[in-house]
Amino acid sequence: MLSSRKEALILLQKWFYSDAYIDHLLDQVTTSLSAQDRRFRDALVHLTIQWKRQTDAILSQFLKSSKKPPKEIYLLLLLGATELLHMAGTRDYGTVNSLVSLARFHKKFVNAILRNVIRFRDSGAFDQFFTNSAIPLGVRYSFPDWMVDRWKSQFGHDVERLLQALNQPPLRMIRLIDESKREDVIDILTSMNIWEGIYPDREDFFCVKSLQPLLNHDIFTSGVVTIQDVSSTLVEYFFPEGGIHLACDVCSGPGGKTVSLLKHVVPGGKVYAYDIDLLRLNQVRETLNRLKFSQVELHQADARSATYPKADLFLIDAPCSGFGVIRKRSDLRWRRKPEDITLLQNLQTEILENVSRSVPPGGSIIYSTCTFDKAENNDMIERFLKNHPDFHWVEPSGKAPKAWRDATLPILQTLPQNHRCEGSFAGRVKRL
C-alpha cells in the first residue's frame, strides 16, 4: 500500500494548498493503482481531512517544539496518525514502515512520533480523549468552533450526539424503482453478499453494505434500482393526493427529487426540470434516461430570474449549506465559512420570491434542503409567509413517518443523530 499512501500524501498537499474540494481533486487524478488500492487511498484521504483538527491536537502532545516540522512531513504525520487511530484493517507495522520510507531526511523523527501515537491509542488515552470535557467539542470531534457554537444554539445538549453522528460513515441505500422486481433484487443483493435489509420507514429503500458492486450490475444500469438516500423522499409526503399533473423542479440537479416527482406524475402529466448548471442538468438527463422516465422536459435556467409555466406544483430543492450530508463530504466542514450562511439565505430568498410569481391560485411550493440548519429551513419559510399573506402552510401526508414530523410546525425533517439517514428538510406552502 506504499503507492496508495504516497498518492494520498500528494492529494493532501494539493488540498491544503488550495481552495478545491477533495472530490474534485480525486476526479482529476490519474493513477495506476488497482481499484482496491484506490479505495484505500480515497478512504485515507477523506479520513485525514475529516479528523485533521483532532489529529493536530493529538500530535501536538508529541512535538517537543511549538514549531511544527516542514509542511510535507507534518502532513505525513497527519496521514499516519489518522490511519493508526481511525482505520481498521491495517497493521501498525506496515503503516509506520511505509510512512517512514516516505520521510526522506526525517525518518527517525516520523518513526518516533508515530510510535507515540500507537502508545497513546493502546494505553486508552485516545478513548479518554473523547470523554474529556476539558477539551473543546470542536477539537474532540474535529469541527470548526463556529459550527459547533451554531449547532449548540439550535440543538442544545444534543449537539454532541449530532457531532458523533456526523463523524459516522453514511448508511448506504438504494431505491427500488421497478416494484415488480422486488424479490429478484433482494435475491441478487443477497447473492452478492451486500444485502443488509429494508429501511424501517420505507419499503422501497434497501440498505446495502457496499454500493460499488452495483454500479456495473444490470439492476442498476437497466434502471431497476437507483442510489438514493431515504432523506430525499421527504418532499413526496407533500405531493398532491391525486398525483402530479404539472410540476416544475427549479433546482433539479443531480436529479433525485426529479425522480420522486416522476414516480408520482399521472398519465398525461409532465415535469419541467431546470438547473442553472449545465453539468448537473446533464446528470439529471443521464439518471432519467437510465430509469426510463419520459414525461419530462429539461431546461437550463437560473431559478432567481427564470419564468416558469403556471404549474400546479413547484419544487425548490434549494442550494444550501449541505450540513445534512457532511458524512458524504469530508471537507465541507472546513471549506464552508460563517459568511456563507448569509449568502445562501439571500440566494434562497431570491429563488422563493421569483418562483412565487409563477404560482397560480391554488398552486403550491415545496421547499426542501439537505441541511438541518433552522435559519435555512423553518426560518426561511416563516419569513416568506410573513411577506406573502396569500400563502399558507400545508400539512404533510398522514403517511409520513412520525419520527420525521415536527412538534410545532407542519414540516418534515431528518436529523443524523436521530434517524438512520442524512439530514434533510421539507415544507409546503399553498397560494390561496
Protein backbone atom coordinates (compact mmCIF):
# COMPACT_ATOMS: atom_id res chain seq x y z
CA MET A 1 0.00 0.00 0.00
CA LEU A 2 3.07 2.26 -0.18
CA SER A 3 1.95 3.74 -3.51
CA SER A 4 -1.55 4.36 -2.14
CA ARG A 5 -0.14 6.28 0.82
CA LYS A 6 2.22 8.22 -1.41
CA GLU A 7 -0.64 9.30 -3.68
CA ALA A 8 -2.73 10.13 -0.61
CA LEU A 9 0.04 12.42 0.62
CA ILE A 10 0.25 14.21 -2.75
CA LEU A 11 -3.52 14.71 -2.78
CA LEU A 12 -3.45 16.12 0.75
CA GLN A 13 -0.74 18.57 -0.25
CA LYS A 14 -2.90 19.77 -3.15
CA TRP A 15 -5.93 20.10 -0.87
CA PHE A 16 -4.11 22.02 1.88
CA TYR A 17 -2.55 24.43 -0.60
CA SER A 18 -5.77 25.22 -2.48
CA ASP A 19 -9.46 26.00 -2.01
CA ALA A 20 -10.51 22.97 -4.07
CA TYR A 21 -12.85 20.33 -2.71
CA ILE A 22 -11.20 16.94 -2.32
CA ASP A 23 -13.79 15.17 -4.51
CA HIS A 24 -12.79 17.44 -7.41
CA LEU A 25 -9.09 16.65 -6.84
CA LEU A 26 -9.82 12.93 -6.73
CA ASP A 27 -11.75 13.17 -10.01
CA GLN A 28 -8.77 14.85 -11.68
CA VAL A 29 -6.02 12.49 -10.55
CA THR A 30 -4.59 9.85 -12.88
CA THR A 31 -3.28 6.68 -11.30
CA SER A 32 -2.08 3.14 -11.99
CA LEU A 33 -3.42 1.88 -8.65
CA SER A 34 -5.80 -1.08 -8.60
CA ALA A 35 -9.44 -0.43 -7.74
CA GLN A 36 -8.87 -1.81 -4.23
CA ASP A 37 -5.83 0.40 -3.63
CA ARG A 38 -7.69 3.45 -4.94
CA ARG A 39 -10.47 2.83 -2.45
CA PHE A 40 -7.88 2.61 0.34
CA ARG A 41 -6.22 5.84 -0.84
CA ASP A 42 -9.52 7.69 -1.07
CA ALA A 43 -10.70 6.49 2.35
CA LEU A 44 -7.40 7.53 3.93
CA VAL A 45 -7.52 10.98 2.35
CA HIS A 46 -11.13 11.58 3.42
CA LEU A 47 -10.47 10.43 6.99
CA THR A 48 -7.33 12.55 7.28
CA ILE A 49 -9.26 15.66 6.20
CA GLN A 50 -12.25 14.81 8.39
CA TRP A 51 -10.22 14.30 11.57
CA LYS A 52 -7.47 16.86 10.93
CA ARG A 53 -8.30 19.13 13.87
CA GLN A 54 -8.46 16.27 16.35
CA THR A 55 -5.31 14.65 14.95
CA ASP A 56 -3.49 18.00 15.06
CA ALA A 57 -4.31 18.32 18.78
CA ILE A 58 -3.06 14.79 19.50
CA LEU A 59 0.14 15.22 17.51
CA SER A 60 0.92 18.48 19.32
CA GLN A 61 1.39 16.45 22.53
CA PHE A 62 4.36 14.65 20.98
CA LEU A 63 6.12 17.59 19.34
CA LYS A 64 8.79 18.96 21.65
CA SER A 65 8.84 22.35 19.96
CA SER A 66 5.89 24.63 19.35
CA LYS A 67 7.23 24.97 15.83
CA LYS A 68 5.80 22.35 13.51
CA PRO A 69 8.09 20.33 11.21
CA PRO A 70 8.16 21.10 7.47
CA LYS A 71 4.67 21.04 5.93
CA GLU A 72 5.29 17.90 3.88
CA ILE A 73 6.47 15.99 6.96
CA TYR A 74 3.65 17.31 9.09
CA LEU A 75 1.08 16.15 6.52
CA LEU A 76 2.82 12.76 6.54
CA LEU A 77 2.36 12.61 10.32
CA LEU A 78 -1.27 13.72 10.00
CA LEU A 79 -1.86 10.96 7.45
CA GLY A 80 -0.13 8.31 9.56
CA ALA A 81 -1.79 9.27 12.83
CA THR A 82 -5.21 9.21 11.16
CA GLU A 83 -4.59 5.72 9.79
CA LEU A 84 -3.38 4.46 13.18
CA LEU A 85 -6.30 5.99 15.07
CA HIS A 86 -9.22 5.68 12.67
CA MET A 87 -8.63 3.00 10.03
CA ALA A 88 -9.47 -0.61 10.73
CA GLY A 89 -7.85 -3.47 8.82
CA THR A 90 -4.31 -2.12 8.51
CA ARG A 91 -1.31 -3.23 10.56
CA ASP A 92 0.71 -0.76 12.59
CA TYR A 93 4.00 -2.23 11.34
CA GLY A 94 3.07 -1.71 7.68
CA THR A 95 1.67 1.77 8.29
CA VAL A 96 4.74 3.04 10.15
CA ASN A 97 7.28 1.44 7.78
CA SER A 98 5.54 2.81 4.68
CA LEU A 99 5.34 6.34 6.00
CA VAL A 100 8.88 6.32 7.39
CA SER A 101 10.11 5.31 3.94
CA LEU A 102 8.46 8.47 2.55
CA ALA A 103 10.01 10.74 5.18
CA ARG A 104 13.38 11.23 3.44
CA PHE A 105 15.67 13.04 5.95
CA HIS A 106 13.12 12.85 8.80
CA LYS A 107 12.81 9.08 9.13
CA LYS A 108 13.75 8.82 12.83
CA PHE A 109 11.51 11.75 13.72
CA VAL A 110 8.48 10.34 11.89
CA ASN A 111 9.08 6.86 13.34
CA ALA A 112 9.26 8.24 16.91
CA ILE A 113 6.08 10.34 16.59
CA LEU A 114 4.03 7.52 15.04
CA ARG A 115 5.20 5.10 17.75
CA ASN A 116 3.99 7.63 20.33
CA VAL A 117 0.61 7.72 18.60
CA ILE A 118 0.36 3.93 18.85
CA ARG A 119 1.17 4.04 22.58
CA PHE A 120 -1.38 6.83 23.05
CA ARG A 121 -4.04 4.71 21.37
CA ASP A 122 -3.20 1.42 23.10
CA SER A 123 -2.97 2.97 26.58
CA GLY A 124 -6.64 4.01 26.44
CA ALA A 125 -5.76 7.71 26.26
CA PHE A 126 -7.44 8.01 22.85
CA ASP A 127 -10.75 6.71 24.21
CA GLN A 128 -10.47 9.10 27.16
CA PHE A 129 -9.84 11.97 24.74
CA PHE A 130 -13.47 11.79 23.55
CA THR A 131 -14.89 11.98 27.07
CA ASN A 132 -12.61 14.71 28.42
CA SER A 133 -14.93 17.70 28.88
CA ALA A 134 -11.90 19.98 29.34
CA ILE A 135 -11.18 19.55 25.63
CA PRO A 136 -13.50 21.66 23.42
CA LEU A 137 -16.10 19.72 21.43
CA GLY A 138 -14.71 21.10 18.19
CA VAL A 139 -11.31 19.57 18.94
CA ARG A 140 -12.68 16.24 20.17
CA TYR A 141 -14.94 15.73 17.17
CA SER A 142 -12.89 17.71 14.64
CA PHE A 143 -15.22 20.55 13.67
CA PRO A 144 -14.63 24.32 13.47
CA ASP A 145 -15.79 26.14 16.60
CA TRP A 146 -18.23 28.38 14.71
CA MET A 147 -20.18 25.32 13.51
CA VAL A 148 -20.26 23.77 16.98
CA ASP A 149 -21.44 27.05 18.51
CA ARG A 150 -24.09 27.49 15.82
CA TRP A 151 -25.50 24.00 16.30
CA LYS A 152 -25.28 24.25 20.09
CA SER A 153 -27.60 27.27 19.92
CA GLN A 154 -30.06 25.20 17.87
CA PHE A 155 -29.81 21.75 19.46
CA GLY A 156 -28.58 22.48 22.98
CA HIS A 157 -27.21 19.46 24.83
CA ASP A 158 -27.99 17.24 21.84
CA VAL A 159 -25.16 18.83 19.89
CA GLU A 160 -22.64 16.19 20.99
CA ARG A 161 -24.84 13.41 19.63
CA LEU A 162 -25.09 15.36 16.38
CA LEU A 163 -21.29 15.68 16.12
CA GLN A 164 -20.86 11.98 16.86
CA ALA A 165 -23.38 11.08 14.17
CA LEU A 166 -21.77 13.34 11.56
CA ASN A 167 -18.48 11.51 12.02
CA GLN A 168 -20.01 8.10 11.32
CA PRO A 169 -19.95 6.55 7.83
CA PRO A 170 -23.20 7.20 5.94
CA LEU A 171 -25.70 4.38 5.60
CA ARG A 172 -25.63 3.05 2.04
CA MET A 173 -29.06 2.86 0.42
CA ILE A 174 -30.68 2.06 -2.90
CA ARG A 175 -34.22 2.75 -4.04
CA LEU A 176 -36.35 0.17 -5.82
CA ILE A 177 -37.81 1.76 -8.96
CA ASP A 178 -39.42 -1.33 -10.51
CA GLU A 179 -41.61 -2.82 -7.77
CA SER A 180 -42.28 -5.96 -9.84
CA LYS A 181 -38.61 -6.92 -9.42
CA ARG A 182 -38.59 -6.68 -5.61
CA GLU A 183 -37.90 -10.33 -4.84
CA ASP A 184 -35.39 -10.62 -7.70
CA VAL A 185 -33.46 -7.59 -6.40
CA ILE A 186 -33.39 -8.92 -2.84
CA ASP A 187 -32.12 -12.28 -4.12
CA ILE A 188 -29.42 -10.58 -6.20
CA LEU A 189 -28.26 -8.37 -3.33
CA THR A 190 -28.18 -11.40 -1.02
CA SER A 191 -26.16 -13.45 -3.52
CA MET A 192 -23.71 -10.53 -3.85
CA ASN A 193 -23.32 -10.58 -0.05
CA ILE A 194 -24.21 -6.88 0.26
CA TRP A 195 -27.83 -7.16 1.47
CA GLU A 196 -28.50 -5.59 4.89
CA GLY A 197 -32.26 -5.10 4.97
CA ILE A 198 -35.26 -2.90 4.21
CA TYR A 199 -35.24 0.61 5.62
CA PRO A 200 -37.75 0.65 8.53
CA ASP A 201 -39.95 3.54 7.29
CA ARG A 202 -39.83 2.91 3.52
CA GLU A 203 -40.45 -0.47 1.88
CA ASP A 204 -38.88 0.73 -1.38
CA PHE A 205 -35.48 1.55 0.19
CA PHE A 206 -32.89 -1.16 0.79
CA CYS A 207 -29.74 -0.87 2.91
CA VAL A 208 -26.59 -2.45 1.48
CA LYS A 209 -23.04 -3.00 2.71
CA SER A 210 -21.46 -1.55 -0.42
CA LEU A 211 -22.59 0.37 -3.49
CA GLN A 212 -19.53 -0.36 -5.60
CA PRO A 213 -20.58 -3.84 -6.84
CA LEU A 214 -23.90 -2.41 -8.06
CA LEU A 215 -22.56 0.24 -10.42
CA ASN A 216 -22.00 -2.16 -13.33
CA HIS A 217 -24.76 -4.61 -12.44
CA ASP A 218 -27.82 -4.94 -14.67
CA ILE A 219 -30.29 -4.00 -11.92
CA PHE A 220 -28.62 -0.58 -11.73
CA THR A 221 -27.72 0.04 -15.37
CA SER A 222 -31.21 -1.01 -16.54
CA GLY A 223 -32.94 1.27 -14.02
CA VAL A 224 -34.48 -1.34 -11.71
CA VAL A 225 -32.82 0.42 -8.75
CA THR A 226 -31.07 3.72 -8.18
CA ILE A 227 -28.73 5.03 -5.50
CA GLN A 228 -30.62 7.40 -3.23
CA ASP A 229 -30.81 8.27 0.46
CA VAL A 230 -34.23 7.97 2.05
CA SER A 231 -33.98 11.54 3.37
CA SER A 232 -34.54 12.78 -0.18
CA THR A 233 -38.13 11.46 -0.07
CA LEU A 234 -39.43 14.00 2.46
CA VAL A 235 -40.83 16.06 -0.41
CA GLU A 236 -43.03 13.14 -1.53
CA TYR A 237 -45.21 13.43 1.57
CA PHE A 238 -46.24 16.89 0.36
CA PHE A 239 -47.27 15.80 -3.14
CA PRO A 240 -50.98 16.16 -4.02
CA GLU A 241 -53.05 13.12 -3.06
CA GLY A 242 -54.36 12.58 -6.59
CA GLY A 243 -50.92 12.59 -8.19
CA ILE A 244 -48.96 15.26 -10.04
CA HIS A 245 -50.37 16.75 -13.25
CA LEU A 246 -47.88 19.53 -13.98
CA ALA A 247 -44.80 20.32 -11.88
CA CYS A 248 -41.65 22.43 -12.14
CA ASP A 249 -38.46 21.29 -10.42
CA VAL A 250 -36.48 24.53 -10.48
CA CYS A 251 -33.17 23.29 -8.96
CA SER A 252 -33.19 19.74 -10.28
CA GLY A 253 -29.52 18.68 -10.25
CA PRO A 254 -28.42 15.96 -9.66
CA GLY A 255 -31.92 14.50 -10.16
CA GLY A 256 -33.06 12.65 -7.05
CA LYS A 257 -36.07 14.90 -6.42
CA THR A 258 -36.95 14.89 -10.12
CA VAL A 259 -37.18 11.11 -9.89
CA SER A 260 -39.54 11.50 -6.93
CA LEU A 261 -41.80 13.81 -8.94
CA LEU A 262 -41.86 11.49 -11.93
CA LYS A 263 -42.75 8.48 -9.82
CA HIS A 264 -45.94 10.33 -8.80
CA VAL A 265 -46.87 12.01 -12.10
CA VAL A 266 -50.23 10.91 -13.54
CA PRO A 267 -50.61 9.54 -17.10
CA GLY A 268 -50.52 12.52 -19.41
CA GLY A 269 -48.83 14.65 -16.76
CA LYS A 270 -45.49 16.36 -17.12
CA VAL A 271 -42.49 17.59 -15.16
CA TYR A 272 -40.31 20.50 -16.23
CA ALA A 273 -36.84 20.23 -14.71
CA TYR A 274 -34.45 23.19 -14.59
CA ASP A 275 -30.95 23.84 -13.33
CA ILE A 276 -28.51 26.71 -13.74
CA ASP A 277 -25.56 24.30 -14.05
CA LEU A 278 -25.41 22.51 -17.40
CA LEU A 279 -23.20 19.74 -15.98
CA ARG A 280 -25.73 18.99 -13.24
CA LEU A 281 -28.54 19.14 -15.79
CA ASN A 282 -26.74 16.51 -17.85
CA GLN A 283 -26.50 14.36 -14.72
CA VAL A 284 -30.26 14.65 -14.38
CA ARG A 285 -30.69 13.64 -18.02
CA GLU A 286 -28.44 10.59 -17.61
CA THR A 287 -30.32 9.47 -14.48
CA LEU A 288 -33.75 9.87 -16.08
CA ASN A 289 -32.66 8.07 -19.24
CA ARG A 290 -31.30 5.16 -17.19
CA LEU A 291 -34.53 4.96 -15.20
CA LYS A 292 -36.59 5.28 -18.41
CA PHE A 293 -38.68 8.30 -17.36
CA SER A 294 -40.11 10.20 -20.32
CA GLN A 295 -42.78 12.65 -19.06
CA VAL A 296 -40.16 15.34 -18.54
CA GLU A 297 -38.52 18.33 -20.23
CA LEU A 298 -35.10 19.64 -19.15
CA HIS A 299 -34.01 23.28 -19.45
CA GLN A 300 -31.02 25.30 -18.29
CA ALA A 301 -32.27 28.25 -16.24
CA ASP A 302 -31.43 30.45 -13.26
CA ALA A 303 -34.09 29.98 -10.57
CA ARG A 304 -33.56 33.57 -9.39
CA SER A 305 -34.86 35.06 -12.62
CA ALA A 306 -36.42 32.38 -14.85
CA THR A 307 -40.06 32.49 -15.92
CA TYR A 308 -41.98 29.24 -15.45
CA PRO A 309 -45.26 27.80 -16.75
CA LYS A 310 -48.26 28.12 -14.41
CA ALA A 311 -47.82 24.69 -12.84
CA ASP A 312 -49.82 23.08 -10.04
CA LEU A 313 -46.66 22.36 -8.09
CA PHE A 314 -43.22 23.93 -7.82
CA LEU A 315 -40.36 22.14 -6.13
CA ILE A 316 -37.41 24.17 -4.83
CA ASP A 317 -34.62 21.88 -3.68
CA ALA A 318 -32.68 24.95 -2.64
CA PRO A 319 -28.91 25.48 -2.72
CA CYS A 320 -27.90 25.23 0.94
CA SER A 321 -25.05 24.74 3.40
CA GLY A 322 -25.19 20.97 2.88
CA PHE A 323 -24.70 20.30 6.60
CA GLY A 324 -27.01 17.30 6.35
CA VAL A 325 -24.62 15.46 4.03
CA ILE A 326 -21.34 16.23 5.79
CA ARG A 327 -20.80 12.48 6.22
CA LYS A 328 -20.52 12.20 2.45
CA ARG A 329 -18.33 15.29 2.03
CA SER A 330 -15.34 15.10 4.36
CA ASP A 331 -14.03 18.62 3.71
CA LEU A 332 -17.31 20.53 3.78
CA ARG A 333 -16.78 21.29 7.47
CA TRP A 334 -13.53 23.10 6.61
CA ARG A 335 -14.49 24.70 3.29
CA ARG A 336 -17.78 26.16 4.50
CA LYS A 337 -17.46 29.62 6.18
CA PRO A 338 -19.83 31.51 8.54
CA GLU A 339 -20.50 34.20 5.96
CA ASP A 340 -21.70 31.52 3.51
CA ILE A 341 -24.91 31.09 5.51
CA THR A 342 -25.98 34.70 4.93
CA LEU A 343 -25.14 34.45 1.23
CA LEU A 344 -27.12 31.21 0.95
CA GLN A 345 -30.10 32.71 2.77
CA ASN A 346 -30.09 35.62 0.32
CA LEU A 347 -29.99 33.15 -2.59
CA GLN A 348 -32.80 31.04 -1.12
CA THR A 349 -34.92 34.16 -0.62
CA GLU A 350 -34.34 35.27 -4.21
CA ILE A 351 -35.38 31.87 -5.54
CA LEU A 352 -38.51 31.70 -3.39
CA GLU A 353 -39.51 35.22 -4.41
CA ASN A 354 -39.02 34.55 -8.11
CA VAL A 355 -40.77 31.18 -8.14
CA SER A 356 -43.74 32.54 -6.17
CA ARG A 357 -44.53 34.89 -9.08
CA SER A 358 -45.37 31.89 -11.27
CA VAL A 359 -47.59 30.10 -8.73
CA PRO A 360 -51.28 30.35 -9.69
CA PRO A 361 -54.10 30.47 -7.12
CA GLY A 362 -54.35 27.01 -5.59
CA GLY A 363 -50.78 26.19 -6.64
CA SER A 364 -48.07 25.14 -4.19
CA ILE A 365 -44.37 25.41 -3.50
CA ILE A 366 -42.48 22.60 -1.80
CA TYR A 367 -39.27 23.95 -0.30
CA SER A 368 -36.54 21.47 0.66
CA THR A 369 -32.88 21.41 1.61
CA CYS A 370 -30.20 18.91 2.58
CA THR A 371 -29.38 20.74 5.80
CA PHE A 372 -30.68 20.72 9.38
CA ASP A 373 -29.86 24.41 9.92
CA LYS A 374 -33.00 26.22 11.09
CA ALA A 375 -32.02 29.53 9.51
CA GLU A 376 -32.17 27.91 6.07
CA ASN A 377 -35.29 25.87 6.81
CA ASN A 378 -38.03 26.86 9.27
CA ASP A 379 -36.94 30.49 9.42
CA MET A 380 -36.79 30.77 5.64
CA ILE A 381 -40.38 29.63 5.09
CA GLU A 382 -41.79 31.55 8.05
CA ARG A 383 -40.22 34.76 6.74
CA PHE A 384 -41.63 34.03 3.27
CA LEU A 385 -45.12 33.53 4.72
CA LYS A 386 -44.87 36.75 6.71
CA ASN A 387 -44.14 38.65 3.49
CA HIS A 388 -46.73 36.72 1.45
CA PRO A 389 -50.04 36.52 3.34
CA ASP A 390 -51.67 34.93 0.28
CA PHE A 391 -49.68 31.74 1.02
CA HIS A 392 -50.26 29.36 3.93
CA TRP A 393 -48.78 26.16 5.36
CA VAL A 394 -49.90 22.74 4.06
CA GLU A 395 -49.80 19.67 6.28
CA PRO A 396 -47.74 16.66 5.15
CA SER A 397 -49.48 13.40 4.28
CA GLY A 398 -50.65 11.24 7.16
CA LYS A 399 -48.40 8.51 5.71
CA ALA A 400 -45.26 10.46 6.66
CA PRO A 401 -43.20 8.65 9.35
CA LYS A 402 -43.99 10.07 12.78
CA ALA A 403 -40.30 10.29 13.62
CA TRP A 404 -39.80 12.83 10.82
CA ARG A 405 -42.58 15.19 11.97
CA ASP A 406 -42.04 18.39 13.89
CA ALA A 407 -43.84 19.08 17.16
CA THR A 408 -44.89 22.64 16.28
CA LEU A 409 -44.75 23.19 12.50
CA PRO A 410 -46.22 21.19 9.56
CA ILE A 411 -42.75 20.29 8.29
CA LEU A 412 -40.71 17.12 7.94
CA GLN A 413 -37.05 16.79 8.80
CA THR A 414 -34.48 14.09 9.36
CA LEU A 415 -31.57 14.54 11.74
CA PRO A 416 -28.41 12.40 11.56
CA GLN A 417 -28.37 11.86 15.33
CA ASN A 418 -31.98 10.63 15.43
CA HIS A 419 -32.63 8.87 12.13
CA ARG A 420 -30.61 6.35 10.14
CA CYS A 421 -30.16 8.69 7.17
CA GLU A 422 -28.82 12.10 6.17
CA GLY A 423 -30.13 15.44 7.41
CA SER A 424 -32.91 16.90 5.29
CA PHE A 425 -35.91 19.26 5.43
CA ALA A 426 -39.16 19.83 3.55
CA GLY A 427 -42.25 22.03 3.89
CA ARG A 428 -45.08 23.08 1.59
CA VAL A 429 -46.92 26.37 1.19
CA LYS A 430 -50.03 26.97 -0.95
CA ARG A 431 -51.40 30.06 -2.59
CA LEU A 432 -54.98 30.96 -1.72
